[in-house]
Amino acid sequence: MQWTALFVFVGLFAFVTIMGFAAARWRAGDLNHINEWGLGGQRFGTWVTWFLLGGDLYTAYTFIAVPALVFSAGAMGFFAVPYTIIVYPMVFVIFPRLWQVARKHGFVTASDFVKGRYGHSGLALAVALTGILATMPYIALQLVGMETVIGALGVETHGAVGHLPLIIAFLILAAFTYTSGLRAPAMIAIVKDMLIYITVIAAVIIIPAKLGGYGAIFGAVPPEKLTLATPPAGSLGSWSAYATLALGSALALFLYPHSMTGVLSASSGHVIRRNAAILPAYSLVLGLLALLGYMAYASGVASKPEFAEGFARYGANFAVPALFLDQFQGWFVGVAFAAIGIGALVPAAIMSIAIANLFTRNIYKEYLRPDCKPEDEARVAKIVSLVAKVGALFFVLTLDTKLAIQLQLLGGIWMIQTLPAVFFGLYTRWFDPRALLIGWAVGLGTGTWMAWMLEFKTSTWPLVIGTLTIPGYAALYTVILNLAVAAVLTVVFRAVSKTRHVDITVHADYV
């Protein structure tokens, strides 16, 4: 048992718990309205939005999984760095436009926008269900990241008693999210991000100094892990896989409901543009974070007896916890592990709120109770946020963690299928909503089939064109197919059908 680290971990966890409950009084609003509870009243300025989005996008699982991928697969793990760079110019251009029209019409979710823009309930429902299904396993993976560091502290994480720490953390998360809404993760994200920056900066200075410098670290890593493998004849190999993973992931990232929630909570379009300019600071941290995978390899933690049980139980995900335990004193291990643990609370809270917003606005109000009052909306949203967390906890405690990872892999493939309706809808009303719905179904079905054919072990599909094989991210391939189907069918529907769907937005809404 790592007692010193455990005391620091618990102390910091208790501190952010108090912050979570206190957040209900921060920038006080009527939390019986979903706009206040689920979007913070859309009053977050530049720095709060920066911390919120940073806490939302750079999660506990990112802290664990990105270095783990570099540790096990080498250079391919760095694809996460360019994709978080590619995405921000898109955010700068696209999302102030979405914020503007959402603010004008009271839209809380992307599905609200799709319903208003295309006047088609089926397409809006498809967008809502995709967001809910893609986000649920993402919440589970945050708890997986938390479980890994709790186990690294020496706390048993299996069996009824072993699950208690995770259940307690879940109850705390559920309670402050219920009472404070989006304000809780927004406030906690400030502490979490500061701890992440402190941990990463200390790690990239102190650990290399102990290991003999970066030259010694890179020298200890096999050459094949330092660069992408040269493709064989007749294939683009890892080159196309890396490029398409980066581009496809960038296109999908801000379509996720939790990313959308963070953006729509901003106080203005200018706040979003400023954040698109300064959020790449997190990409720098992510690049440094990825280097921890090489440091773990160079330090030889995988072969040390004291870490054998951790690697046997958690696999490569144990690389970073083992590295910190090996290289830092107990008190700083507590700080680093608290950064990861709190890094699970923030995105898990935002994700559950985003799911609650989608269900309440686009299923409950749309189909079950159209005449519900604002108070009823907020009450249902709070209950659904609890249900989402229960579902995530059920994944972690009762099912194989690999299932959550497989579903999260599918999540990226599914989520990108909403791109034509959302992103293109911000600039043109040319597409027919029926065509978009069929394109969505074709893309989602094809992507799921690809993942199944790959046995859910990877999302890289070997596309064959003539004699050339182009391994690439299945999400990118299927969204191109989705767009092609939607474009062709739009022409068909325009020719054979006189049905016109009502667009409640006007050009001035987007300016």
Foldseek 3Di string as FASTA:
>chain_A
DLVLLVVLQVVVLVVLLVLLQVLCVPVHDPLLFLCCQLQVVLADFQPLLLLLLLLQQCFLLLLLPLLLCCLVQAPLSLLQLLLLLVQLVVLLPFLLLVLLLCVVVVNQFLLSQLCQAFVDLLLSVLLLVLLLLLLLLVLLSLLVSLLLLCVLSVQQCADPVNVVVSVVLLVSLLVSCLSRHLSSLSRLSVVLVVLLVVLLVCCLPQLLVVLVHPVLLVVLDPPPNHDPDCDDPQENPSVLASVQVSNLCSLQVCLRLLNVSSSSSHNHSVSSNVSSVPSSVVSVSSVSSNCLSSSLSSVVLCPDPVCVVSCVVSNSSNSNSSSCVVRHDSNSSSSNSSSSSSSSSSNLSSSLLSSLSSCLPSPCCVPPNVPDDSSVSSVSSSVSSSVSSVSSSCCNRPHDSLVSVLSNLLSSLLSSLCCCSRRVSSPDSLFNSVQSSVLSVQSSVVQVVQCVVVVSPDQWHFDDDPSHTYTYGSSVVSSVSSVVSRVVVSVVCVVPDPDGRDNNDDPVSSD
